[in-house]
């Protein structure tokens, strides 16, 4: 992991606004149980790429396990909003994140919006 962090730091020095590098930072931090740091990486990535469904679904999954229901629900709903008119993998990913959040809340009373 140390080598991964070193490579990431060097890459971020050259391209601090690269949302994919920031997403990688979130993944590395989450793997190591550094959830606050993972959230900071995701927050910065979302500032740069606010319409990225993958970032919103990752935030929903992280938040549902570590940050709180409100943050998780908001992130999952944003992913659904961004994929309202889409089909395929992005929509499936958004629906999966939303279902995960509901399962974590143990709240199955709210139906999942159907895929169009």
PDB file of N, CA and C in Angstrom:
ATOM      1  N   UNK A   1       0.813  -1.209   0.000  1.00  0.00           N
ATOM      2  CA  UNK A   1       0.000   0.000   0.000  1.00  0.00           C
ATOM      3  C   UNK A   1       0.852   1.265   0.000  1.00  0.00           C
ATOM      4  N   UNK A   2       2.003   1.203   0.631  1.00  0.00           N
ATOM      5  CA  UNK A   2       2.859   2.390   0.678  1.00  0.00           C
ATOM      6  C   UNK A   2       3.283   2.833  -0.717  1.00  0.00           C
ATOM      7  N   UNK A   3       3.628   1.863  -1.551  1.00  0.00           N
ATOM      8  CA  UNK A   3       4.039   2.199  -2.909  1.00  0.00           C
ATOM      9  C   UNK A   3       2.868   2.799  -3.694  1.00  0.00           C
ATOM     10  N   UNK A   4       1.670   2.268  -3.472  1.00  0.00           N
ATOM     11  CA  UNK A   4       0.477   2.800  -4.145  1.00  0.00           C
ATOM     12  C   UNK A   4       0.252   4.255  -3.753  1.00  0.00           C
ATOM     13  N   UNK A   5       0.390   4.538  -2.463  1.00  0.00           N
ATOM     14  CA  UNK A   5       0.202   5.914  -1.995  1.00  0.00           C
ATOM     15  C   UNK A   5       1.263   6.835  -2.589  1.00  0.00           C
ATOM     16  N   UNK A   6       2.487   6.373  -2.654  1.00  0.00           N
ATOM     17  CA  UNK A   6       3.559   7.197  -3.200  1.00  0.00           C
ATOM     18  C   UNK A   6       3.290   7.537  -4.668  1.00  0.00           C
ATOM     19  N   UNK A   7       2.905   6.539  -5.437  1.00  0.00           N
ATOM     20  CA  UNK A   7       2.599   6.762  -6.852  1.00  0.00           C
ATOM     21  C   UNK A   7       1.413   7.719  -6.992  1.00  0.00           C
ATOM     22  N   UNK A   8       0.404   7.527  -6.160  1.00  0.00           N
ATOM     23  CA  UNK A   8      -0.771   8.406  -6.202  1.00  0.00           C
ATOM     24  C   UNK A   8      -0.389   9.843  -5.861  1.00  0.00           C
ATOM     25  N   UNK A   9       0.387  10.031  -4.808  1.00  0.00           N
ATOM     26  CA  UNK A   9       0.802  11.390  -4.422  1.00  0.00           C
ATOM     27  C   UNK A   9       1.552  12.079  -5.559  1.00  0.00           C
ATOM     28  N   UNK A  10       2.450  11.348  -6.179  1.00  0.00           N
ATOM     29  CA  UNK A  10       3.220  11.917  -7.297  1.00  0.00           C
ATOM     30  C   UNK A  10       2.305  12.295  -8.459  1.00  0.00           C
ATOM     31  N   UNK A  11       1.361  11.433  -8.754  1.00  0.00           N
ATOM     32  CA  UNK A  11       0.426  11.722  -9.851  1.00  0.00           C
ATOM     33  C   UNK A  11      -0.456  12.920  -9.516  1.00  0.00           C
ATOM     34  N   UNK A  12      -0.909  13.022  -8.258  1.00  0.00           N
ATOM     35  CA  UNK A  12      -1.759  14.148  -7.860  1.00  0.00           C
ATOM     36  C   UNK A  12      -0.988  15.469  -7.848  1.00  0.00           C
ATOM     37  N   UNK A  13       0.311  15.411  -7.597  1.00  0.00           N
ATOM     38  CA  UNK A  13       1.125  16.627  -7.676  1.00  0.00           C
ATOM     39  C   UNK A  13       1.122  17.173  -9.103  1.00  0.00           C
ATOM     40  N   UNK A  14       1.127  16.279 -10.070  1.00  0.00           N
ATOM     41  CA  UNK A  14       1.132  16.674 -11.477  1.00  0.00           C
ATOM     42  C   UNK A  14      -0.260  17.025 -11.992  1.00  0.00           C
ATOM     43  N   UNK A  15      -1.277  16.368 -11.447  1.00  0.00           N
ATOM     44  CA  UNK A  15      -2.650  16.565 -11.935  1.00  0.00           C
ATOM     45  C   UNK A  15      -3.631  16.580 -10.749  1.00  0.00           C
ATOM     46  N   UNK A  16      -3.591  17.645  -9.934  1.00  0.00           N
ATOM     47  CA  UNK A  16      -4.420  17.672  -8.724  1.00  0.00           C
ATOM     48  C   UNK A  16      -5.926  17.716  -8.982  1.00  0.00           C
ATOM     49  N   UNK A  17      -6.325  18.019 -10.208  1.00  0.00           N
ATOM     50  CA  UNK A  17      -7.742  18.110 -10.539  1.00  0.00           C
ATOM     51  C   UNK A  17      -8.243  16.881 -11.308  1.00  0.00           C
ATOM     52  N   UNK A  18      -7.478  15.822 -11.308  1.00  0.00           N
ATOM     53  CA  UNK A  18      -7.863  14.600 -12.011  1.00  0.00           C
ATOM     54  C   UNK A  18      -8.804  13.796 -11.117  1.00  0.00           C
ATOM     55  N   UNK A  19     -10.083  13.803 -11.458  1.00  0.00           N
ATOM     56  CA  UNK A  19     -11.065  13.143 -10.597  1.00  0.00           C
ATOM     57  C   UNK A  19     -10.836  11.633 -10.502  1.00  0.00           C
ATOM     58  N   UNK A  20     -10.258  11.033 -11.533  1.00  0.00           N
ATOM     59  CA  UNK A  20      -9.988   9.598 -11.483  1.00  0.00           C
ATOM     60  C   UNK A  20      -8.891   9.279 -10.464  1.00  0.00           C
ATOM     61  N   UNK A  21      -7.891  10.131 -10.369  1.00  0.00           N
ATOM     62  CA  UNK A  21      -6.859   9.951  -9.348  1.00  0.00           C
ATOM     63  C   UNK A  21      -7.456  10.130  -7.952  1.00  0.00           C
ATOM     64  N   UNK A  22      -8.335  11.103  -7.826  1.00  0.00           N
ATOM     65  CA  UNK A  22      -8.996  11.323  -6.534  1.00  0.00           C
ATOM     66  C   UNK A  22      -9.875  10.132  -6.166  1.00  0.00           C
ATOM     67  N   UNK A  23     -10.535   9.556  -7.160  1.00  0.00           N
ATOM     68  CA  UNK A  23     -11.343   8.360  -6.912  1.00  0.00           C
ATOM     69  C   UNK A  23     -10.454   7.202  -6.462  1.00  0.00           C
ATOM     70  N   UNK A  24      -9.308   7.068  -7.072  1.00  0.00           N
ATOM     71  CA  UNK A  24      -8.355   6.044  -6.658  1.00  0.00           C
ATOM     72  C   UNK A  24      -7.897   6.288  -5.215  1.00  0.00           C
ATOM     73  N   UNK A  25      -7.657   7.551  -4.880  1.00  0.00           N
ATOM     74  CA  UNK A  25      -7.298   7.882  -3.500  1.00  0.00           C
ATOM     75  C   UNK A  25      -8.378   7.459  -2.531  1.00  0.00           C
ATOM     76  N   UNK A  26      -9.638   7.668  -2.908  1.00  0.00           N
ATOM     77  CA  UNK A  26     -10.756   7.245  -2.055  1.00  0.00           C
ATOM     78  C   UNK A  26     -10.761   5.733  -1.876  1.00  0.00           C
ATOM     79  N   UNK A  27     -10.512   5.021  -2.964  1.00  0.00           N
ATOM     80  CA  UNK A  27     -10.485   3.552  -2.892  1.00  0.00           C
ATOM     81  C   UNK A  27      -9.364   3.063  -1.986  1.00  0.00           C
ATOM     82  N   UNK A  28      -8.162   3.635  -2.152  1.00  0.00           N
ATOM     83  CA  UNK A  28      -7.035   3.229  -1.315  1.00  0.00           C
ATOM     84  C   UNK A  28      -7.309   3.535   0.159  1.00  0.00           C
ATOM     85  N   UNK A  29      -7.849   4.719   0.422  1.00  0.00           N
ATOM     86  CA  UNK A  29      -8.141   5.088   1.797  1.00  0.00           C
ATOM     87  C   UNK A  29      -9.195   4.159   2.402  1.00  0.00           C
ATOM     88  N   UNK A  30     -10.223   3.842   1.631  1.00  0.00           N
ATOM     89  CA  UNK A  30     -11.280   2.964   2.135  1.00  0.00           C
ATOM     90  C   UNK A  30     -10.738   1.559   2.427  1.00  0.00           C
ATOM     91  N   UNK A  31      -9.886   1.055   1.562  1.00  0.00           N
ATOM     92  CA  UNK A  31      -9.289  -0.263   1.781  1.00  0.00           C
ATOM     93  C   UNK A  31      -8.542  -0.308   3.110  1.00  0.00           C
ATOM     94  N   UNK A  32      -7.917   0.813   3.459  1.00  0.00           N
ATOM     95  CA  UNK A  32      -7.137   0.872   4.689  1.00  0.00           C
ATOM     96  C   UNK A  32      -7.967   1.309   5.896  1.00  0.00           C
ATOM     97  N   UNK A  33      -9.278   1.450   5.702  1.00  0.00           N
ATOM     98  CA  UNK A  33     -10.149   1.824   6.809  1.00  0.00           C
ATOM     99  C   UNK A  33     -10.091   3.292   7.169  1.00  0.00           C
ATOM    100  N   UNK A  34      -9.576   4.109   6.279  1.00  0.00           N
ATOM    101  CA  UNK A  34      -9.471   5.553   6.514  1.00  0.00           C
ATOM    102  C   UNK A  34     -10.660   6.229   5.836  1.00  0.00           C
ATOM    103  N   UNK A  35     -11.831   6.065   6.446  1.00  0.00           N
ATOM    104  CA  UNK A  35     -13.081   6.445   5.804  1.00  0.00           C
ATOM    105  C   UNK A  35     -13.256   7.957   5.675  1.00  0.00           C
ATOM    106  N   UNK A  36     -12.804   8.701   6.649  1.00  0.00           N
ATOM    107  CA  UNK A  36     -12.876  10.155   6.543  1.00  0.00           C
ATOM    108  C   UNK A  36     -12.037  10.668   5.383  1.00  0.00           C
ATOM    109  N   UNK A  37     -10.864  10.113   5.231  1.00  0.00           N
ATOM    110  CA  UNK A  37      -9.991  10.489   4.124  1.00  0.00           C
ATOM    111  C   UNK A  37     -10.606  10.072   2.787  1.00  0.00           C
ATOM    112  N   UNK A  38     -11.214   8.893   2.757  1.00  0.00           N
ATOM    113  CA  UNK A  38     -11.890   8.440   1.538  1.00  0.00           C
ATOM    114  C   UNK A  38     -12.983   9.427   1.150  1.00  0.00           C
ATOM    115  N   UNK A  39     -13.742   9.886   2.135  1.00  0.00           N
ATOM    116  CA  UNK A  39     -14.806  10.844   1.856  1.00  0.00           C
ATOM    117  C   UNK A  39     -14.247  12.172   1.353  1.00  0.00           C
ATOM    118  N   UNK A  40     -13.132  12.608   1.901  1.00  0.00           N
ATOM    119  CA  UNK A  40     -12.530  13.868   1.429  1.00  0.00           C
ATOM    120  C   UNK A  40     -12.086  13.745  -0.033  1.00  0.00           C
ATOM    121  N   UNK A  41     -11.485  12.613  -0.376  1.00  0.00           N
ATOM    122  CA  UNK A  41     -11.108  12.397  -1.782  1.00  0.00           C
ATOM    123  C   UNK A  41     -12.341  12.426  -2.680  1.00  0.00           C
ATOM    124  N   UNK A  42     -13.411  11.733  -2.259  1.00  0.00           N
ATOM    125  CA  UNK A  42     -14.635  11.707  -3.076  1.00  0.00           C
ATOM    126  C   UNK A  42     -15.267  13.082  -3.185  1.00  0.00           C
ATOM    127  N   UNK A  43     -15.277  13.828  -2.095  1.00  0.00           N
ATOM    128  CA  UNK A  43     -15.864  15.180  -2.123  1.00  0.00           C
ATOM    129  C   UNK A  43     -15.132  16.063  -3.124  1.00  0.00           C
ATOM    130  N   UNK A  44     -13.809  16.000  -3.106  1.00  0.00           N
ATOM    131  CA  UNK A  44     -13.028  16.804  -4.064  1.00  0.00           C
ATOM    132  C   UNK A  44     -13.290  16.333  -5.494  1.00  0.00           C
ATOM    133  N   UNK A  45     -13.351  15.027  -5.705  1.00  0.00           N
ATOM    134  CA  UNK A  45     -13.626  14.495  -7.039  1.00  0.00           C
ATOM    135  C   UNK A  45     -15.000  14.959  -7.526  1.00  0.00           C
ATOM    136  N   UNK A  46     -15.979  14.988  -6.635  1.00  0.00           N
ATOM    137  CA  UNK A  46     -17.328  15.421  -7.020  1.00  0.00           C
ATOM    138  C   UNK A  46     -17.392  16.920  -7.307  1.00  0.00           C
ATOM    139  N   UNK A  47     -16.530  17.709  -6.694  1.00  0.00           N
ATOM    140  CA  UNK A  47     -16.454  19.129  -7.041  1.00  0.00           C
ATOM    141  C   UNK A  47     -16.008  19.288  -8.491  1.00  0.00           C
ATOM    142  N   UNK A  48     -15.108  18.407  -8.911  1.00  0.00           N
ATOM    143  CA  UNK A  48     -14.541  18.468 -10.261  1.00  0.00           C
ATOM    144  C   UNK A  48     -15.479  17.837 -11.292  1.00  0.00           C
ATOM    145  N   UNK A  49     -16.116  16.739 -10.917  1.00  0.00           N
ATOM    146  CA  UNK A  49     -16.984  15.989 -11.845  1.00  0.00           C
ATOM    147  C   UNK A  49     -18.338  15.728 -11.188  1.00  0.00           C
ATOM    148  N   UNK A  50     -19.154  16.776 -11.014  1.00  0.00           N
ATOM    149  CA  UNK A  50     -20.419  16.623 -10.276  1.00  0.00           C
ATOM    150  C   UNK A  50     -21.467  15.756 -10.962  1.00  0.00           C
ATOM    151  N   UNK A  51     -21.294  15.461 -12.234  1.00  0.00           N
ATOM    152  CA  UNK A  51     -22.260  14.627 -12.957  1.00  0.00           C
ATOM    153  C   UNK A  51     -21.767  13.199 -13.162  1.00  0.00           C
ATOM    154  N   UNK A  52     -20.761  12.791 -12.417  1.00  0.00           N
ATOM    155  CA  UNK A  52     -20.194  11.459 -12.561  1.00  0.00           C
ATOM    156  C   UNK A  52     -20.976  10.476 -11.682  1.00  0.00           C
ATOM    157  N   UNK A  53     -21.730   9.616 -12.318  1.00  0.00           N
ATOM    158  CA  UNK A  53     -22.583   8.655 -11.611  1.00  0.00           C
ATOM    159  C   UNK A  53     -21.751   7.710 -10.743  1.00  0.00           C
ATOM    160  N   UNK A  54     -20.619   7.269 -11.256  1.00  0.00           N
ATOM    161  CA  UNK A  54     -19.768   6.361 -10.498  1.00  0.00           C
ATOM    162  C   UNK A  54     -19.298   6.951  -9.180  1.00  0.00           C
ATOM    163  N   UNK A  55     -18.966   8.240  -9.184  1.00  0.00           N
ATOM    164  CA  UNK A  55     -18.545   8.900  -7.947  1.00  0.00           C
ATOM    165  C   UNK A  55     -19.694   8.981  -6.945  1.00  0.00           C
ATOM    166  N   UNK A  56     -20.884   9.313  -7.434  1.00  0.00           N
ATOM    167  CA  UNK A  56     -22.043   9.404  -6.534  1.00  0.00           C
ATOM    168  C   UNK A  56     -22.407   8.042  -5.951  1.00  0.00           C
ATOM    169  N   UNK A  57     -22.322   6.989  -6.755  1.00  0.00           N
ATOM    170  CA  UNK A  57     -22.654   5.664  -6.224  1.00  0.00           C
ATOM    171  C   UNK A  57     -21.600   5.216  -5.215  1.00  0.00           C
ATOM    172  N   UNK A  58     -20.336   5.512  -5.482  1.00  0.00           N
ATOM    173  CA  UNK A  58     -19.281   5.169  -4.524  1.00  0.00           C
ATOM    174  C   UNK A  58     -19.500   5.917  -3.210  1.00  0.00           C
ATOM    175  N   UNK A  59     -19.864   7.183  -3.310  1.00  0.00           N
ATOM    176  CA  UNK A  59     -20.126   7.962  -2.089  1.00  0.00           C
ATOM    177  C   UNK A  59     -21.315   7.383  -1.328  1.00  0.00           C
ATOM    178  N   UNK A  60     -22.352   6.972  -2.046  1.00  0.00           N
ATOM    179  CA  UNK A  60     -23.525   6.378  -1.391  1.00  0.00           C
ATOM    180  C   UNK A  60     -23.136   5.115  -0.633  1.00  0.00           C
ATOM    181  N   UNK A  61     -22.334   4.279  -1.263  1.00  0.00           N
ATOM    182  CA  UNK A  61     -21.917   3.030  -0.625  1.00  0.00           C
ATOM    183  C   UNK A  61     -21.038   3.311   0.591  1.00  0.00           C
ATOM    184  N   UNK A  62     -20.101   4.237   0.465  1.00  0.00           N
ATOM    185  CA  UNK A  62     -19.235   4.604   1.584  1.00  0.00           C
ATOM    186  C   UNK A  62     -20.061   5.206   2.710  1.00  0.00           C
ATOM    187  N   UNK A  63     -20.947   6.114   2.355  1.00  0.00           N
ATOM    188  CA  UNK A  63     -21.744   6.799   3.370  1.00  0.00           C
ATOM    189  C   UNK A  63     -22.677   5.840   4.097  1.00  0.00           C
ATOM    190  N   UNK A  64     -23.263   4.899   3.385  1.00  0.00           N
ATOM    191  CA  UNK A  64     -24.218   3.994   4.039  1.00  0.00           C
ATOM    192  C   UNK A  64     -23.528   3.127   5.075  1.00  0.00           C
ATOM    193  N   UNK A  65     -22.262   2.839   4.862  1.00  0.00           N
ATOM    194  CA  UNK A  65     -21.521   2.015   5.808  1.00  0.00           C
ATOM    195  C   UNK A  65     -20.802   2.816   6.875  1.00  0.00           C
ATOM    196  N   UNK A  66     -20.411   4.047   6.559  1.00  0.00           N
ATOM    197  CA  UNK A  66     -19.505   4.760   7.461  1.00  0.00           C
ATOM    198  C   UNK A  66     -19.862   6.199   7.801  1.00  0.00           C
ATOM    199  N   UNK A  67     -20.654   6.879   6.999  1.00  0.00           N
ATOM    200  CA  UNK A  67     -20.829   8.311   7.193  1.00  0.00           C
ATOM    201  C   UNK A  67     -22.203   8.709   7.706  1.00  0.00           C
ATOM    202  N   UNK A  68     -23.225   7.970   7.342  1.00  0.00           N
ATOM    203  CA  UNK A  68     -24.557   8.303   7.833  1.00  0.00           C
ATOM    204  C   UNK A  68     -25.630   8.150   6.786  1.00  0.00           C
ATOM    205  N   UNK A  69     -26.847   7.908   7.280  1.00  0.00           N
ATOM    206  CA  UNK A  69     -27.982   7.662   6.395  1.00  0.00           C
ATOM    207  C   UNK A  69     -28.295   8.836   5.492  1.00  0.00           C
ATOM    208  N   UNK A  70     -28.266  10.042   6.038  1.00  0.00           N
ATOM    209  CA  UNK A  70     -28.633  11.219   5.251  1.00  0.00           C
ATOM    210  C   UNK A  70     -27.696  11.385   4.048  1.00  0.00           C
ATOM    211  N   UNK A  71     -26.386  11.311   4.306  1.00  0.00           N
ATOM    212  CA  UNK A  71     -25.411  11.459   3.229  1.00  0.00           C
ATOM    213  C   UNK A  71     -25.550  10.335   2.209  1.00  0.00           C
ATOM    214  N   UNK A  72     -25.780   9.130   2.707  1.00  0.00           N
ATOM    215  CA  UNK A  72     -25.934   7.979   1.808  1.00  0.00           C
ATOM    216  C   UNK A  72     -27.154   8.145   0.920  1.00  0.00           C
ATOM    217  N   UNK A  73     -28.271   8.509   1.508  1.00  0.00           N
ATOM    218  CA  UNK A  73     -29.508   8.672   0.744  1.00  0.00           C
ATOM    219  C   UNK A  73     -29.356   9.781  -0.295  1.00  0.00           C
ATOM    220  N   UNK A  74     -28.772  10.913   0.098  1.00  0.00           N
ATOM    221  CA  UNK A  74     -28.589  12.019  -0.842  1.00  0.00           C
ATOM    222  C   UNK A  74     -27.713  11.612  -2.026  1.00  0.00           C
ATOM    223  N   UNK A  75     -26.628  10.892  -1.748  1.00  0.00           N
ATOM    224  CA  UNK A  75     -25.729  10.462  -2.830  1.00  0.00           C
ATOM    225  C   UNK A  75     -26.419   9.467  -3.752  1.00  0.00           C
ATOM    226  N   UNK A  76     -27.148   8.512  -3.174  1.00  0.00           N
ATOM    227  CA  UNK A  76     -27.852   7.514  -3.992  1.00  0.00           C
ATOM    228  C   UNK A  76     -28.937   8.179  -4.843  1.00  0.00           C
ATOM    229  N   UNK A  77     -29.647   9.130  -4.270  1.00  0.00           N
ATOM    230  CA  UNK A  77     -30.687   9.836  -5.026  1.00  0.00           C
ATOM    231  C   UNK A  77     -30.080  10.679  -6.148  1.00  0.00           C
ATOM    232  N   UNK A  78     -28.911  11.268  -5.901  1.00  0.00           N
ATOM    233  CA  UNK A  78     -28.245  12.033  -6.952  1.00  0.00           C
ATOM    234  C   UNK A  78     -27.849  11.112  -8.106  1.00  0.00           C
ATOM    235  N   UNK A  79     -27.345   9.923  -7.782  1.00  0.00           N
ATOM    236  CA  UNK A  79     -26.991   8.955  -8.832  1.00  0.00           C
ATOM    237  C   UNK A  79     -28.230   8.568  -9.639  1.00  0.00           C
ATOM    238  N   UNK A  80     -29.353   8.356  -8.955  1.00  0.00           N
ATOM    239  CA  UNK A  80     -30.599   8.035  -9.669  1.00  0.00           C
ATOM    240  C   UNK A  80     -31.041   9.191 -10.554  1.00  0.00           C
ATOM    241  N   UNK A  81     -30.947  10.404 -10.023  1.00  0.00           N
ATOM    242  CA  UNK A  81     -31.340  11.588 -10.788  1.00  0.00           C
ATOM    243  C   UNK A  81     -30.517  11.714 -12.076  1.00  0.00           C
ATOM    244  N   UNK A  82     -29.226  11.468 -11.954  1.00  0.00           N
ATOM    245  CA  UNK A  82     -28.339  11.581 -13.116  1.00  0.00           C
ATOM    246  C   UNK A  82     -28.584  10.504 -14.164  1.00  0.00           C
ATOM    247  N   UNK A  83     -29.240   9.419 -13.776  1.00  0.00           N
ATOM    248  CA  UNK A  83     -29.465   8.313 -14.721  1.00  0.00           C
ATOM    249  C   UNK A  83     -30.934   8.123 -15.071  1.00  0.00           C
ATOM    250  N   UNK A  84     -31.760   9.097 -14.769  1.00  0.00           N
ATOM    251  CA  UNK A  84     -33.198   8.980 -14.998  1.00  0.00           C
ATOM    252  C   UNK A  84     -33.532   8.572 -16.428  1.00  0.00           C
ATOM    253  N   UNK A  85     -32.860   9.152 -17.380  1.00  0.00           N
ATOM    254  CA  UNK A  85     -33.147   8.880 -18.793  1.00  0.00           C
ATOM    255  C   UNK A  85     -32.205   7.844 -19.400  1.00  0.00           C
ATOM    256  N   UNK A  86     -31.422   7.181 -18.570  1.00  0.00           N
ATOM    257  CA  UNK A  86     -30.429   6.239 -19.082  1.00  0.00           C
ATOM    258  C   UNK A  86     -30.836   4.805 -18.791  1.00  0.00           C
ATOM    259  N   UNK A  87     -30.260   3.905 -19.562  1.00  0.00           N
ATOM    260  CA  UNK A  87     -30.393   2.472 -19.307  1.00  0.00           C
ATOM    261  C   UNK A  87     -28.987   1.902 -19.292  1.00  0.00           C
ATOM    262  N   UNK A  88     -28.876   0.665 -18.965  1.00  0.00           N
ATOM    263  CA  UNK A  88     -27.565   0.026 -19.006  1.00  0.00           C
ATOM    264  C   UNK A  88     -26.809   0.126 -17.701  1.00  0.00           C
ATOM    265  N   UNK A  89     -25.476  -0.006 -17.790  1.00  0.00           N
ATOM    266  CA  UNK A  89     -24.652  -0.137 -16.592  1.00  0.00           C
ATOM    267  C   UNK A  89     -24.746   1.026 -15.611  1.00  0.00           C
ATOM    268  N   UNK A  90     -24.785   2.256 -16.100  1.00  0.00           N
ATOM    269  CA  UNK A  90     -24.852   3.382 -15.178  1.00  0.00           C
ATOM    270  C   UNK A  90     -26.152   3.375 -14.374  1.00  0.00           C
ATOM    271  N   UNK A  91     -27.250   3.100 -15.039  1.00  0.00           N
ATOM    272  CA  UNK A  91     -28.534   3.046 -14.348  1.00  0.00           C
ATOM    273  C   UNK A  91     -28.553   1.880 -13.366  1.00  0.00           C
ATOM    274  N   UNK A  92     -28.038   0.743 -13.790  1.00  0.00           N
ATOM    275  CA  UNK A  92     -27.988  -0.419 -12.904  1.00  0.00           C
ATOM    276  C   UNK A  92     -27.136  -0.126 -11.673  1.00  0.00           C
ATOM    277  N   UNK A  93     -26.024   0.553 -11.862  1.00  0.00           N
ATOM    278  CA  UNK A  93     -25.155   0.911 -10.748  1.00  0.00           C
ATOM    279  C   UNK A  93     -25.872   1.850  -9.778  1.00  0.00           C
ATOM    280  N   UNK A  94     -26.582   2.835 -10.307  1.00  0.00           N
ATOM    281  CA  UNK A  94     -27.321   3.768  -9.464  1.00  0.00           C
ATOM    282  C   UNK A  94     -28.427   3.057  -8.686  1.00  0.00           C
ATOM    283  N   UNK A  95     -29.155   2.172  -9.350  1.00  0.00           N
ATOM    284  CA  UNK A  95     -30.203   1.415  -8.673  1.00  0.00           C
ATOM    285  C   UNK A  95     -29.630   0.499  -7.601  1.00  0.00           C
ATOM    286  N   UNK A  96     -28.489  -0.097  -7.894  1.00  0.00           N
ATOM    287  CA  UNK A  96     -27.832  -0.968  -6.927  1.00  0.00           C
ATOM    288  C   UNK A  96     -27.403  -0.183  -5.684  1.00  0.00           C
ATOM    289  N   UNK A  97     -26.842   0.992  -5.888  1.00  0.00           N
ATOM    290  CA  UNK A  97     -26.429   1.821  -4.754  1.00  0.00           C
ATOM    291  C   UNK A  97     -27.639   2.234  -3.925  1.00  0.00           C
ATOM    292  N   UNK A  98     -28.722   2.587  -4.603  1.00  0.00           N
ATOM    293  CA  UNK A  98     -29.942   2.989  -3.893  1.00  0.00           C
ATOM    294  C   UNK A  98     -30.495   1.818  -3.079  1.00  0.00           C
ATOM    295  N   UNK A  99     -30.522   0.646  -3.674  1.00  0.00           N
ATOM    296  CA  UNK A  99     -30.995  -0.542  -2.956  1.00  0.00           C
ATOM    297  C   UNK A  99     -30.095  -0.844  -1.762  1.00  0.00           C
ATOM    298  N   UNK A 100     -28.803  -0.681  -1.933  1.00  0.00           N
ATOM    299  CA  UNK A 100     -27.855  -0.907  -0.836  1.00  0.00           C
ATOM    300  C   UNK A 100     -28.134   0.049   0.323  1.00  0.00           C
ATOM    301  N   UNK A 101     -28.360   1.308  -0.005  1.00  0.00           N
ATOM    302  CA  UNK A 101     -28.649   2.300   1.035  1.00  0.00           C
ATOM    303  C   UNK A 101     -29.924   1.929   1.778  1.00  0.00           C
ATOM    304  N   UNK A 102     -30.958   1.549   1.036  1.00  0.00           N
ATOM    305  CA  UNK A 102     -32.210   1.150   1.680  1.00  0.00           C
ATOM    306  C   UNK A 102     -32.010  -0.077   2.567  1.00  0.00           C
ATOM    307  N   UNK A 103     -31.228  -1.019   2.104  1.00  0.00           N
ATOM    308  CA  UNK A 103     -30.970  -2.225   2.899  1.00  0.00           C
ATOM    309  C   UNK A 103     -30.230  -1.863   4.178  1.00  0.00           C
ATOM    310  N   UNK A 104     -29.262  -0.969   4.078  1.00  0.00           N
ATOM    311  CA  UNK A 104     -28.519  -0.546   5.259  1.00  0.00           C
ATOM    312  C   UNK A 104     -29.419   0.185   6.244  1.00  0.00           C
ATOM    313  N   UNK A 105     -30.382   0.914   5.724  1.00  0.00           N
ATOM    314  CA  UNK A 105     -31.334   1.619   6.589  1.00  0.00           C
ATOM    315  C   UNK A 105     -32.381   0.656   7.147  1.00  0.00           C
ATOM    316  N   UNK A 106     -32.404  -0.564   6.604  1.00  0.00           N
ATOM    317  CA  UNK A 106     -33.441  -1.544   6.943  1.00  0.00           C
ATOM    318  C   UNK A 106     -34.819  -0.927   6.699  1.00  0.00           C
ATOM    319  N   UNK A 107     -34.945  -0.265   5.537  1.00  0.00           N
ATOM    320  CA  UNK A 107     -36.170   0.438   5.192  1.00  0.00           C
ATOM    321  C   UNK A 107     -36.615  -0.009   3.808  1.00  0.00           C
ATOM    322  N   UNK A 108     -37.368  -1.063   3.773  1.00  0.00           N
ATOM    323  CA  UNK A 108     -37.851  -1.562   2.487  1.00  0.00           C
ATOM    324  C   UNK A 108     -39.234  -1.029   2.133  1.00  0.00           C
ATOM    325  N   UNK A 109     -39.776  -0.150   2.951  1.00  0.00           N
ATOM    326  CA  UNK A 109     -41.111   0.378   2.694  1.00  0.00           C
ATOM    327  C   UNK A 109     -41.125   1.291   1.469  1.00  0.00           C
ATOM    328  N   UNK A 110     -40.002   1.936   1.181  1.00  0.00           N
ATOM    329  CA  UNK A 110     -39.939   2.837   0.040  1.00  0.00           C
ATOM    330  C   UNK A 110     -39.570   2.049  -1.205  1.00  0.00           C
ATOM    331  N   UNK A 111     -40.415   2.062  -2.217  1.00  0.00           N
ATOM    332  CA  UNK A 111     -40.113   1.288  -3.422  1.00  0.00           C
ATOM    333  C   UNK A 111     -38.963   1.887  -4.206  1.00  0.00           C
ATOM    334  N   UNK A 112     -38.223   1.046  -4.867  1.00  0.00           N
ATOM    335  CA  UNK A 112     -37.170   1.491  -5.771  1.00  0.00           C
ATOM    336  C   UNK A 112     -37.829   1.890  -7.074  1.00  0.00           C
ATOM    337  N   UNK A 113     -37.460   3.029  -7.595  1.00  0.00           N
ATOM    338  CA  UNK A 113     -38.029   3.509  -8.846  1.00  0.00           C
ATOM    339  C   UNK A 113     -37.678   2.555  -9.976  1.00  0.00           C
ATOM    340  N   UNK A 114     -38.639   2.236 -10.823  1.00  0.00           N
ATOM    341  CA  UNK A 114     -38.347   1.279 -11.911  1.00  0.00           C
ATOM    342  C   UNK A 114     -37.401   1.869 -12.943  1.00  0.00           C
ATOM    343  N   UNK A 115     -36.620   0.999 -13.539  1.00  0.00           N
ATOM    344  CA  UNK A 115     -35.709   1.371 -14.615  1.00  0.00           C
ATOM    345  C   UNK A 115     -36.525   1.564 -15.893  1.00  0.00           C
ATOM    346  N   UNK A 116     -36.237   2.620 -16.623  1.00  0.00           N
ATOM    347  CA  UNK A 116     -36.964   2.877 -17.868  1.00  0.00           C
ATOM    348  C   UNK A 116     -36.164   2.488 -19.056  1.00  0.00           C
TER     349      UNK A 116
END
